[in-house]
Amino acid sequence: MTTLLFYSKSDRTEWWREMMAEHLPEVEFRVWPDVGDRAEIDYALVWKPESGLLASLPNLKAILSLGAGVDHIFADPDLPQGVPISRVVNDNMALRMREWVLLHVLSHHRRQREYNQLQRARVWRDLDQPHAGERRVGVMGLGELGGDAAHHLAAIGFDVIGWSRSPRELDGVRTFHGRDGLKAFLAETDILVSVLPLTPQTTNMIDADFLARLPRGASVINAGRGQQIVEADLIAALDSGHLSEATLDVFQTEPLPVTDPLWIHPRVTVTPHIAAMTDPRALVRQVVQDIRSVEAGQPVTNPVDPARGY
């Protein structure tokens, strides 16, 4: 019998048990910590598994992430080598990320935060703002989510540029890549949108030096990973006036502690890691497809490159 181990602190465990029984009744569904015989585990469906767990499963055929990010898997120093890893990719996630990015880019562009402040003060005043074609939006990360968001930002008239680690081409978007292209990319960016995956190269990437390369008055929107931003440096850039505002969906510590200054900073908008929430039913379909593919001798649907970390 094929056996799947489920590891997550989610409250949806029983829902997952029911879904797997409905769609893959031939697969035994086990929930951590009731692992049973570890040699019988073929697949691990996980979110932030404890270190050493995956290495303790000697016959593992594939590791399936419960989210689009896989940094939680690569954080395990004992991660077994050679076992395929699949991440979540589906149209629903791209749509949700597109909605969130467009919402907040438009909010920054049309100065909605300032209008909210004027409303609270009961002040009737118009604020100067260019049209979309005069606003330069820079998107970092041009994969399925970032590329889709960049495409739709360009479609509504923004001057969109993109940056990625390796060369990419995207219709209607000027692209930069690598370390050499980053300086030029930042210098031309009025609204920075990051949807980068978390890797050793992107950890703490957005620091004081990075932010100083943006034009004065630029703003930052982050839906990638919180560990990419040095939060103290971001606050300093906001307080100095170098940055006009920031919208953050991800943070160094989640949930964001109630005492964190980002909650009450007048130039910061906080959302609770909801930019591209995974549609559970779409994820079930992918898990089912992954298991059937591997059992048929085929690769997982959205394989991760261990060398890149995504």
C-alpha atoms as a PDB file:
ATOM      1  CA  MET A   1       0.000   0.000   0.000  1.00  0.00           C
ATOM      2  CA  THR A   2       1.128   3.554  -0.773  1.00  0.00           C
ATOM      3  CA  THR A   3       1.448   5.708   2.346  1.00  0.00           C
ATOM      4  CA  LEU A   4       1.371   9.509   2.766  1.00  0.00           C
ATOM      5  CA  LEU A   5       2.584  11.297   5.903  1.00  0.00           C
ATOM      6  CA  PHE A   6       0.916  14.653   6.647  1.00  0.00           C
ATOM      7  CA  TYR A   7       2.858  17.170   8.749  1.00  0.00           C
ATOM      8  CA  SER A   8       1.357  20.568   9.516  1.00  0.00           C
ATOM      9  CA  LYS A   9       0.170  22.581  12.497  1.00  0.00           C
ATOM     10  CA  SER A  10      -2.910  23.509  10.479  1.00  0.00           C
ATOM     11  CA  ASP A  11      -6.385  22.983  11.882  1.00  0.00           C
ATOM     12  CA  ARG A  12      -7.407  21.410   8.563  1.00  0.00           C
ATOM     13  CA  THR A  13      -5.942  17.958   9.246  1.00  0.00           C
ATOM     14  CA  GLU A  14      -9.284  16.161   9.274  1.00  0.00           C
ATOM     15  CA  TRP A  15     -10.352  17.986   6.124  1.00  0.00           C
ATOM     16  CA  TRP A  16      -7.190  16.719   4.425  1.00  0.00           C
ATOM     17  CA  ARG A  17      -7.900  13.200   5.659  1.00  0.00           C
ATOM     18  CA  GLU A  18     -11.376  13.359   4.107  1.00  0.00           C
ATOM     19  CA  MET A  19     -10.103  14.801   0.805  1.00  0.00           C
ATOM     20  CA  MET A  20      -7.428  12.151   0.431  1.00  0.00           C
ATOM     21  CA  ALA A  21      -9.909   9.403   1.266  1.00  0.00           C
ATOM     22  CA  GLU A  22     -12.199  10.783  -1.433  1.00  0.00           C
ATOM     23  CA  HIS A  23      -9.613  11.308  -4.177  1.00  0.00           C
ATOM     24  CA  LEU A  24      -6.951   8.695  -3.365  1.00  0.00           C
ATOM     25  CA  PRO A  25      -8.649   6.007  -1.266  1.00  0.00           C
ATOM     26  CA  GLU A  26      -5.853   3.571  -2.083  1.00  0.00           C
ATOM     27  CA  VAL A  27      -3.335   5.752  -0.201  1.00  0.00           C
ATOM     28  CA  GLU A  28      -2.970   5.359   3.547  1.00  0.00           C
ATOM     29  CA  PHE A  29      -3.061   8.777   5.228  1.00  0.00           C
ATOM     30  CA  ARG A  30      -0.949   9.133   8.364  1.00  0.00           C
ATOM     31  CA  VAL A  31      -0.647  12.257  10.503  1.00  0.00           C
ATOM     32  CA  TRP A  32       2.449  13.222  12.447  1.00  0.00           C
ATOM     33  CA  PRO A  33       3.348  12.177  15.141  1.00  0.00           C
ATOM     34  CA  ASP A  34       1.548   8.863  14.458  1.00  0.00           C
ATOM     35  CA  VAL A  35       4.078   7.830  11.835  1.00  0.00           C
ATOM     36  CA  GLY A  36       4.055   4.089  12.399  1.00  0.00           C
ATOM     37  CA  ASP A  37       6.709   2.168  10.467  1.00  0.00           C
ATOM     38  CA  ARG A  38       8.809   4.904   8.859  1.00  0.00           C
ATOM     39  CA  ALA A  39       9.996   2.552   6.141  1.00  0.00           C
ATOM     40  CA  GLU A  40       6.409   2.411   4.840  1.00  0.00           C
ATOM     41  CA  ILE A  41       6.169   6.159   4.136  1.00  0.00           C
ATOM     42  CA  ASP A  42       6.260   6.929   0.397  1.00  0.00           C
ATOM     43  CA  TYR A  43       5.255  10.599   0.377  1.00  0.00           C
ATOM     44  CA  ALA A  44       5.489  13.480   2.848  1.00  0.00           C
ATOM     45  CA  LEU A  45       3.016  16.368   2.557  1.00  0.00           C
ATOM     46  CA  VAL A  46       4.503  19.033   4.804  1.00  0.00           C
ATOM     47  CA  TRP A  47       4.635  22.591   6.064  1.00  0.00           C
ATOM     48  CA  LYS A  48       7.663  23.506   8.202  1.00  0.00           C
ATOM     49  CA  PRO A  49       8.614  19.917   9.088  1.00  0.00           C
ATOM     50  CA  GLU A  50      10.885  19.495  12.086  1.00  0.00           C
ATOM     51  CA  SER A  51      14.554  18.954  11.295  1.00  0.00           C
ATOM     52  CA  GLY A  52      15.483  15.349  10.678  1.00  0.00           C
ATOM     53  CA  LEU A  53      11.951  14.107  10.037  1.00  0.00           C
ATOM     54  CA  LEU A  54      12.306  13.708   6.284  1.00  0.00           C
ATOM     55  CA  ALA A  55      15.724  12.077   6.623  1.00  0.00           C
ATOM     56  CA  SER A  56      14.170   9.493   8.950  1.00  0.00           C
ATOM     57  CA  LEU A  57      11.926   8.199   6.139  1.00  0.00           C
ATOM     58  CA  PRO A  58      14.213   5.814   4.222  1.00  0.00           C
ATOM     59  CA  ASN A  59      11.914   5.041   1.286  1.00  0.00           C
ATOM     60  CA  LEU A  60      10.578   8.513   0.560  1.00  0.00           C
ATOM     61  CA  LYS A  61       9.628   8.964  -3.110  1.00  0.00           C
ATOM     62  CA  ALA A  62       8.710  12.677  -3.026  1.00  0.00           C
ATOM     63  CA  ILE A  63       8.319  15.632  -0.681  1.00  0.00           C
ATOM     64  CA  LEU A  64       5.212  17.729  -1.348  1.00  0.00           C
ATOM     65  CA  SER A  65       5.050  21.297   0.003  1.00  0.00           C
ATOM     66  CA  LEU A  66       1.767  22.600   1.381  1.00  0.00           C
ATOM     67  CA  GLY A  67       2.600  26.047  -0.015  1.00  0.00           C
ATOM     68  CA  ALA A  68       4.270  27.828  -2.892  1.00  0.00           C
ATOM     69  CA  GLY A  69       7.397  28.449  -0.835  1.00  0.00           C
ATOM     70  CA  VAL A  70       9.852  25.648  -0.119  1.00  0.00           C
ATOM     71  CA  ASP A  71      12.292  27.535   2.105  1.00  0.00           C
ATOM     72  CA  HIS A  72      10.670  25.781   5.076  1.00  0.00           C
ATOM     73  CA  ILE A  73      11.866  22.478   3.600  1.00  0.00           C
ATOM     74  CA  PHE A  74      15.381  23.638   2.725  1.00  0.00           C
ATOM     75  CA  ALA A  75      15.728  24.998   6.274  1.00  0.00           C
ATOM     76  CA  ASP A  76      16.216  21.378   7.387  1.00  0.00           C
ATOM     77  CA  PRO A  77      19.995  20.764   7.604  1.00  0.00           C
ATOM     78  CA  ASP A  78      19.357  17.017   7.305  1.00  0.00           C
ATOM     79  CA  LEU A  79      17.185  17.223   4.199  1.00  0.00           C
ATOM     80  CA  PRO A  80      17.648  13.966   2.261  1.00  0.00           C
ATOM     81  CA  GLN A  81      19.405  14.378  -1.059  1.00  0.00           C
ATOM     82  CA  GLY A  82      17.925  13.141  -4.314  1.00  0.00           C
ATOM     83  CA  VAL A  83      14.280  13.086  -3.207  1.00  0.00           C
ATOM     84  CA  PRO A  84      12.078  15.141  -5.588  1.00  0.00           C
ATOM     85  CA  ILE A  85      10.376  18.172  -4.048  1.00  0.00           C
ATOM     86  CA  SER A  86       7.169  19.648  -5.465  1.00  0.00           C
ATOM     87  CA  ARG A  87       5.871  23.147  -4.724  1.00  0.00           C
ATOM     88  CA  VAL A  88       2.413  24.598  -5.208  1.00  0.00           C
ATOM     89  CA  VAL A  89       1.757  26.332  -8.521  1.00  0.00           C
ATOM     90  CA  ASN A  90      -1.760  26.977  -9.757  1.00  0.00           C
ATOM     91  CA  ASP A  91      -3.779  29.624 -11.542  1.00  0.00           C
ATOM     92  CA  ASN A  92      -5.720  30.465  -8.400  1.00  0.00           C
ATOM     93  CA  MET A  93      -2.569  31.523  -6.544  1.00  0.00           C
ATOM     94  CA  ALA A  94      -1.441  33.677  -9.484  1.00  0.00           C
ATOM     95  CA  LEU A  95      -4.849  35.367  -9.556  1.00  0.00           C
ATOM     96  CA  ARG A  96      -4.787  36.078  -5.827  1.00  0.00           C
ATOM     97  CA  MET A  97      -1.258  37.476  -5.980  1.00  0.00           C
ATOM     98  CA  ARG A  98      -2.218  39.591  -8.997  1.00  0.00           C
ATOM     99  CA  GLU A  99      -5.180  41.061  -7.085  1.00  0.00           C
ATOM    100  CA  TRP A 100      -3.092  41.871  -4.021  1.00  0.00           C
ATOM    101  CA  VAL A 101      -0.205  43.422  -5.964  1.00  0.00           C
ATOM    102  CA  LEU A 102      -2.486  45.549  -8.161  1.00  0.00           C
ATOM    103  CA  LEU A 103      -4.469  46.701  -5.122  1.00  0.00           C
ATOM    104  CA  HIS A 104      -1.408  47.961  -3.276  1.00  0.00           C
ATOM    105  CA  VAL A 105       0.491  49.323  -6.274  1.00  0.00           C
ATOM    106  CA  LEU A 106      -2.588  51.377  -7.141  1.00  0.00           C
ATOM    107  CA  SER A 107      -2.930  52.442  -3.513  1.00  0.00           C
ATOM    108  CA  HIS A 108       0.672  53.707  -3.475  1.00  0.00           C
ATOM    109  CA  HIS A 109       0.313  55.279  -6.915  1.00  0.00           C
ATOM    110  CA  ARG A 110      -2.915  57.137  -6.058  1.00  0.00           C
ATOM    111  CA  ARG A 111      -1.616  58.075  -2.569  1.00  0.00           C
ATOM    112  CA  GLN A 112      -4.509  56.395  -0.791  1.00  0.00           C
ATOM    113  CA  ARG A 113      -2.721  56.231   2.560  1.00  0.00           C
ATOM    114  CA  GLU A 114      -2.381  60.025   2.545  1.00  0.00           C
ATOM    115  CA  TYR A 115      -6.012  60.494   1.528  1.00  0.00           C
ATOM    116  CA  ASN A 116      -7.021  58.260   4.445  1.00  0.00           C
ATOM    117  CA  GLN A 117      -5.078  60.552   6.765  1.00  0.00           C
ATOM    118  CA  LEU A 118      -6.720  63.625   5.253  1.00  0.00           C
ATOM    119  CA  GLN A 119     -10.139  62.067   5.743  1.00  0.00           C
ATOM    120  CA  ARG A 120      -9.448  61.431   9.416  1.00  0.00           C
ATOM    121  CA  ALA A 121      -8.373  65.083   9.744  1.00  0.00           C
ATOM    122  CA  ARG A 122     -11.441  66.230   7.735  1.00  0.00           C
ATOM    123  CA  VAL A 123      -9.208  68.036   5.258  1.00  0.00           C
ATOM    124  CA  TRP A 124     -10.362  68.458   1.644  1.00  0.00           C
ATOM    125  CA  ARG A 125      -7.186  68.558  -0.468  1.00  0.00           C
ATOM    126  CA  ASP A 126      -6.086  67.090  -3.757  1.00  0.00           C
ATOM    127  CA  LEU A 127      -2.606  65.552  -3.940  1.00  0.00           C
ATOM    128  CA  ASP A 128      -0.410  65.668  -7.006  1.00  0.00           C
ATOM    129  CA  GLN A 129       0.005  62.319  -8.738  1.00  0.00           C
ATOM    130  CA  PRO A 130       1.306  61.301 -12.158  1.00  0.00           C
ATOM    131  CA  HIS A 131      -0.633  58.987 -14.464  1.00  0.00           C
ATOM    132  CA  ALA A 132       0.313  55.310 -14.539  1.00  0.00           C
ATOM    133  CA  GLY A 133       2.569  55.665 -17.581  1.00  0.00           C
ATOM    134  CA  GLU A 134       4.768  58.041 -15.606  1.00  0.00           C
ATOM    135  CA  ARG A 135       5.106  55.687 -12.643  1.00  0.00           C
ATOM    136  CA  ARG A 136       7.916  53.132 -12.779  1.00  0.00           C
ATOM    137  CA  VAL A 137       7.037  49.851 -11.076  1.00  0.00           C
ATOM    138  CA  GLY A 138       9.845  47.366 -10.532  1.00  0.00           C
ATOM    139  CA  VAL A 139       8.923  43.724  -9.919  1.00  0.00           C
ATOM    140  CA  MET A 140      11.531  41.458  -8.345  1.00  0.00           C
ATOM    141  CA  GLY A 141      10.935  37.794  -9.128  1.00  0.00           C
ATOM    142  CA  LEU A 142       9.532  36.957 -12.549  1.00  0.00           C
ATOM    143  CA  GLY A 143       8.299  33.412 -12.038  1.00  0.00           C
ATOM    144  CA  GLU A 144       4.680  32.291 -12.213  1.00  0.00           C
ATOM    145  CA  LEU A 145       3.448  34.805  -9.612  1.00  0.00           C
ATOM    146  CA  GLY A 146       5.717  37.766 -10.253  1.00  0.00           C
ATOM    147  CA  GLY A 147       5.598  37.423 -14.020  1.00  0.00           C
ATOM    148  CA  ASP A 148       1.805  37.373 -13.989  1.00  0.00           C
ATOM    149  CA  ALA A 149       1.636  40.449 -11.739  1.00  0.00           C
ATOM    150  CA  ALA A 150       4.144  42.338 -13.906  1.00  0.00           C
ATOM    151  CA  HIS A 151       2.169  41.527 -17.048  1.00  0.00           C
ATOM    152  CA  HIS A 152      -1.071  42.876 -15.588  1.00  0.00           C
ATOM    153  CA  LEU A 153       0.577  45.985 -14.150  1.00  0.00           C
ATOM    154  CA  ALA A 154       1.841  46.770 -17.640  1.00  0.00           C
ATOM    155  CA  ALA A 155      -1.626  46.097 -19.072  1.00  0.00           C
ATOM    156  CA  ILE A 156      -3.151  48.911 -16.999  1.00  0.00           C
ATOM    157  CA  GLY A 157      -0.519  51.365 -18.142  1.00  0.00           C
ATOM    158  CA  PHE A 158       2.358  51.329 -15.656  1.00  0.00           C
ATOM    159  CA  ASP A 159       5.952  51.554 -16.871  1.00  0.00           C
ATOM    160  CA  VAL A 160       6.983  48.110 -15.615  1.00  0.00           C
ATOM    161  CA  ILE A 161      10.479  46.716 -15.301  1.00  0.00           C
ATOM    162  CA  GLY A 162      11.483  43.378 -13.837  1.00  0.00           C
ATOM    163  CA  TRP A 163      14.489  41.811 -12.140  1.00  0.00           C
ATOM    164  CA  SER A 164      15.376  38.162 -11.740  1.00  0.00           C
ATOM    165  CA  ARG A 165      18.488  36.196 -10.874  1.00  0.00           C
ATOM    166  CA  SER A 166      18.828  34.776 -14.380  1.00  0.00           C
ATOM    167  CA  PRO A 167      17.744  36.284 -17.727  1.00  0.00           C
ATOM    168  CA  ARG A 168      13.985  36.402 -18.408  1.00  0.00           C
ATOM    169  CA  GLU A 169      11.900  37.847 -21.211  1.00  0.00           C
ATOM    170  CA  LEU A 170       8.390  39.154 -20.626  1.00  0.00           C
ATOM    171  CA  ASP A 171       6.170  40.926 -23.132  1.00  0.00           C
ATOM    172  CA  GLY A 172       5.722  44.598 -22.315  1.00  0.00           C
ATOM    173  CA  VAL A 173       8.290  44.518 -19.486  1.00  0.00           C
ATOM    174  CA  ARG A 174      11.924  45.598 -19.624  1.00  0.00           C
ATOM    175  CA  THR A 175      13.981  43.086 -17.700  1.00  0.00           C
ATOM    176  CA  PHE A 176      17.233  43.135 -15.759  1.00  0.00           C
ATOM    177  CA  HIS A 177      19.042  40.213 -14.202  1.00  0.00           C
ATOM    178  CA  GLY A 178      21.839  39.271 -11.862  1.00  0.00           C
ATOM    179  CA  ARG A 179      23.943  41.380  -9.572  1.00  0.00           C
ATOM    180  CA  ASP A 180      25.117  43.593 -12.429  1.00  0.00           C
ATOM    181  CA  GLY A 181      21.552  44.473 -13.430  1.00  0.00           C
ATOM    182  CA  LEU A 182      20.300  45.178  -9.916  1.00  0.00           C
ATOM    183  CA  LYS A 183      21.733  48.700  -9.522  1.00  0.00           C
ATOM    184  CA  ALA A 184      20.168  49.916 -12.767  1.00  0.00           C
ATOM    185  CA  PHE A 185      16.880  48.228 -11.899  1.00  0.00           C
ATOM    186  CA  LEU A 186      16.657  49.899  -8.484  1.00  0.00           C
ATOM    187  CA  ALA A 187      17.618  53.318  -9.854  1.00  0.00           C
ATOM    188  CA  GLU A 188      14.601  53.174 -12.214  1.00  0.00           C
ATOM    189  CA  THR A 189      12.047  51.941  -9.675  1.00  0.00           C
ATOM    190  CA  ASP A 190       9.455  54.208  -8.037  1.00  0.00           C
ATOM    191  CA  ILE A 191       7.352  51.386  -6.566  1.00  0.00           C
ATOM    192  CA  LEU A 192       9.257  48.202  -5.738  1.00  0.00           C
ATOM    193  CA  VAL A 193       7.291  44.944  -5.642  1.00  0.00           C
ATOM    194  CA  SER A 194       9.087  41.847  -4.351  1.00  0.00           C
ATOM    195  CA  VAL A 195       7.721  38.356  -4.897  1.00  0.00           C
ATOM    196  CA  LEU A 196      11.109  36.681  -4.669  1.00  0.00           C
ATOM    197  CA  PRO A 197      11.481  33.211  -3.165  1.00  0.00           C
ATOM    198  CA  LEU A 198      13.570  32.903  -0.018  1.00  0.00           C
ATOM    199  CA  THR A 199      17.047  31.560  -0.719  1.00  0.00           C
ATOM    200  CA  PRO A 200      20.447  32.163   0.908  1.00  0.00           C
ATOM    201  CA  GLN A 201      21.002  34.836  -1.755  1.00  0.00           C
ATOM    202  CA  THR A 202      17.753  36.715  -1.001  1.00  0.00           C
ATOM    203  CA  THR A 203      17.889  36.475   2.805  1.00  0.00           C
ATOM    204  CA  ASN A 204      18.344  40.027   4.193  1.00  0.00           C
ATOM    205  CA  MET A 205      18.797  41.235   0.617  1.00  0.00           C
ATOM    206  CA  ILE A 206      16.666  44.357   1.130  1.00  0.00           C
ATOM    207  CA  ASP A 207      18.918  46.224   3.550  1.00  0.00           C
ATOM    208  CA  ALA A 208      20.023  49.828   4.014  1.00  0.00           C
ATOM    209  CA  ASP A 209      22.378  49.801   1.017  1.00  0.00           C
ATOM    210  CA  PHE A 210      19.710  48.233  -1.187  1.00  0.00           C
ATOM    211  CA  LEU A 211      17.044  50.750  -0.144  1.00  0.00           C
ATOM    212  CA  ALA A 212      19.431  53.687  -0.614  1.00  0.00           C
ATOM    213  CA  ARG A 213      19.683  52.782  -4.309  1.00  0.00           C
ATOM    214  CA  LEU A 214      15.969  53.445  -4.815  1.00  0.00           C
ATOM    215  CA  PRO A 215      15.018  57.009  -5.825  1.00  0.00           C
ATOM    216  CA  ARG A 216      14.038  59.271  -2.942  1.00  0.00           C
ATOM    217  CA  GLY A 217      10.285  58.989  -2.372  1.00  0.00           C
ATOM    218  CA  ALA A 218      10.083  55.415  -3.669  1.00  0.00           C
ATOM    219  CA  SER A 219       7.919  52.838  -1.916  1.00  0.00           C
ATOM    220  CA  VAL A 220       8.239  49.125  -1.151  1.00  0.00           C
ATOM    221  CA  ILE A 221       5.699  46.307  -1.408  1.00  0.00           C
ATOM    222  CA  ASN A 222       6.752  42.853  -0.194  1.00  0.00           C
ATOM    223  CA  ALA A 223       4.821  39.640  -0.774  1.00  0.00           C
ATOM    224  CA  GLY A 224       7.869  37.391  -1.053  1.00  0.00           C
ATOM    225  CA  ARG A 225       9.270  36.388   2.332  1.00  0.00           C
ATOM    226  CA  GLY A 226       9.765  38.487   5.438  1.00  0.00           C
ATOM    227  CA  GLN A 227      13.335  37.290   5.897  1.00  0.00           C
ATOM    228  CA  GLN A 228      14.311  39.194   2.760  1.00  0.00           C
ATOM    229  CA  ILE A 229      13.897  42.605   4.447  1.00  0.00           C
ATOM    230  CA  VAL A 230      16.039  43.954   7.255  1.00  0.00           C
ATOM    231  CA  GLU A 231      13.084  45.520   9.030  1.00  0.00           C
ATOM    232  CA  ALA A 232      15.123  48.006  11.096  1.00  0.00           C
ATOM    233  CA  ASP A 233      16.696  49.322   7.881  1.00  0.00           C
ATOM    234  CA  LEU A 234      13.266  49.656   6.273  1.00  0.00           C
ATOM    235  CA  ILE A 235      11.928  51.633   9.244  1.00  0.00           C
ATOM    236  CA  ALA A 236      15.000  53.883   9.168  1.00  0.00           C
ATOM    237  CA  ALA A 237      14.486  54.589   5.450  1.00  0.00           C
ATOM    238  CA  LEU A 238      10.828  55.449   6.104  1.00  0.00           C
ATOM    239  CA  ASP A 239      11.650  57.667   9.085  1.00  0.00           C
ATOM    240  CA  SER A 240      14.305  59.557   7.106  1.00  0.00           C
ATOM    241  CA  GLY A 241      11.854  60.247   4.295  1.00  0.00           C
ATOM    242  CA  HIS A 242      13.909  58.369   1.738  1.00  0.00           C
ATOM    243  CA  LEU A 243      10.971  55.962   1.339  1.00  0.00           C
ATOM    244  CA  SER A 244       7.415  57.273   1.195  1.00  0.00           C
ATOM    245  CA  GLU A 245       5.655  54.114   2.407  1.00  0.00           C
ATOM    246  CA  ALA A 246       5.691  50.325   2.563  1.00  0.00           C
ATOM    247  CA  THR A 247       3.113  47.561   2.332  1.00  0.00           C
ATOM    248  CA  LEU A 248       4.182  44.271   3.893  1.00  0.00           C
ATOM    249  CA  ASP A 249       2.431  40.918   3.752  1.00  0.00           C
ATOM    250  CA  VAL A 250       5.340  38.878   5.168  1.00  0.00           C
ATOM    251  CA  PHE A 251       7.615  39.426   8.164  1.00  0.00           C
ATOM    252  CA  GLN A 252      10.735  38.209   9.901  1.00  0.00           C
ATOM    253  CA  THR A 253       8.510  36.803  12.665  1.00  0.00           C
ATOM    254  CA  GLU A 254       4.983  35.544  11.971  1.00  0.00           C
ATOM    255  CA  PRO A 255       2.481  36.192  13.352  1.00  0.00           C
ATOM    256  CA  LEU A 256       3.815  39.723  13.711  1.00  0.00           C
ATOM    257  CA  PRO A 257       4.290  40.325  17.476  1.00  0.00           C
ATOM    258  CA  VAL A 258       1.807  42.803  18.940  1.00  0.00           C
ATOM    259  CA  THR A 259       4.710  44.945  20.187  1.00  0.00           C
ATOM    260  CA  ASP A 260       6.361  45.206  16.758  1.00  0.00           C
ATOM    261  CA  PRO A 261       6.698  48.860  15.633  1.00  0.00           C
ATOM    262  CA  LEU A 262       5.558  47.975  12.101  1.00  0.00           C
ATOM    263  CA  TRP A 263       1.972  47.642  13.391  1.00  0.00           C
ATOM    264  CA  ILE A 264       1.721  51.329  14.249  1.00  0.00           C
ATOM    265  CA  HIS A 265       4.160  52.945  11.853  1.00  0.00           C
ATOM    266  CA  PRO A 266       2.274  55.736  10.030  1.00  0.00           C
ATOM    267  CA  ARG A 267       3.843  54.851   6.678  1.00  0.00           C
ATOM    268  CA  VAL A 268       3.365  51.068   6.834  1.00  0.00           C
ATOM    269  CA  THR A 269       0.411  48.929   5.757  1.00  0.00           C
ATOM    270  CA  VAL A 270       0.320  45.412   7.233  1.00  0.00           C
ATOM    271  CA  THR A 271      -1.533  42.397   5.855  1.00  0.00           C
ATOM    272  CA  PRO A 272      -1.257  38.973   7.568  1.00  0.00           C
ATOM    273  CA  HIS A 273       0.456  36.810   4.914  1.00  0.00           C
ATOM    274  CA  ILE A 274      -2.657  36.572   2.748  1.00  0.00           C
ATOM    275  CA  ALA A 275      -1.448  37.916  -0.616  1.00  0.00           C
ATOM    276  CA  ALA A 276      -1.685  34.564  -2.395  1.00  0.00           C
ATOM    277  CA  MET A 277      -3.385  32.160  -0.032  1.00  0.00           C
ATOM    278  CA  THR A 278      -3.434  28.615  -1.340  1.00  0.00           C
ATOM    279  CA  ASP A 279      -6.800  27.289  -2.511  1.00  0.00           C
ATOM    280  CA  PRO A 280      -6.998  23.999  -0.572  1.00  0.00           C
ATOM    281  CA  ARG A 281      -9.000  22.209  -3.271  1.00  0.00           C
ATOM    282  CA  ALA A 282      -6.513  23.197  -5.968  1.00  0.00           C
ATOM    283  CA  LEU A 283      -3.727  21.931  -3.723  1.00  0.00           C
ATOM    284  CA  VAL A 284      -5.521  18.607  -3.250  1.00  0.00           C
ATOM    285  CA  ARG A 285      -5.690  18.214  -7.033  1.00  0.00           C
ATOM    286  CA  GLN A 286      -1.969  18.856  -7.313  1.00  0.00           C
ATOM    287  CA  VAL A 287      -1.085  16.413  -4.531  1.00  0.00           C
ATOM    288  CA  VAL A 288      -3.209  13.743  -6.206  1.00  0.00           C
ATOM    289  CA  GLN A 289      -1.548  14.436  -9.548  1.00  0.00           C
ATOM    290  CA  ASP A 290       1.935  14.353  -8.006  1.00  0.00           C
ATOM    291  CA  ILE A 291       1.373  10.975  -6.356  1.00  0.00           C
ATOM    292  CA  ARG A 292      -0.166   9.468  -9.474  1.00  0.00           C
ATOM    293  CA  SER A 293       2.678  10.823 -11.604  1.00  0.00           C
ATOM    294  CA  VAL A 294       5.411   9.407  -9.391  1.00  0.00           C
ATOM    295  CA  GLU A 295       3.635   6.055  -9.081  1.00  0.00           C
ATOM    296  CA  ALA A 296       3.539   5.948 -12.890  1.00  0.00           C
ATOM    297  CA  GLY A 297       7.257   6.660 -13.110  1.00  0.00           C
ATOM    298  CA  GLN A 298       6.832  10.318 -14.079  1.00  0.00           C
ATOM    299  CA  PRO A 299       8.241  13.444 -12.360  1.00  0.00           C
ATOM    300  CA  VAL A 300       6.304  15.582  -9.899  1.00  0.00           C
ATOM    301  CA  THR A 301       4.266  18.381 -11.477  1.00  0.00           C
ATOM    302  CA  ASN A 302       6.207  21.404 -10.195  1.00  0.00           C
ATOM    303  CA  PRO A 303       9.694  20.196  -9.314  1.00  0.00           C
ATOM    304  CA  VAL A 304      12.058  22.333  -7.246  1.00  0.00           C
ATOM    305  CA  ASP A 305      15.672  22.824  -8.303  1.00  0.00           C
ATOM    306  CA  PRO A 306      17.740  22.182  -5.129  1.00  0.00           C
ATOM    307  CA  ALA A 307      20.618  24.240  -6.558  1.00  0.00           C
ATOM    308  CA  ARG A 308      18.360  27.300  -6.812  1.00  0.00           C
ATOM    309  CA  GLY A 309      16.255  26.583  -3.732  1.00  0.00           C
ATOM    310  CA  TYR A 310      12.970  27.090  -5.620  1.00  0.00           C
END
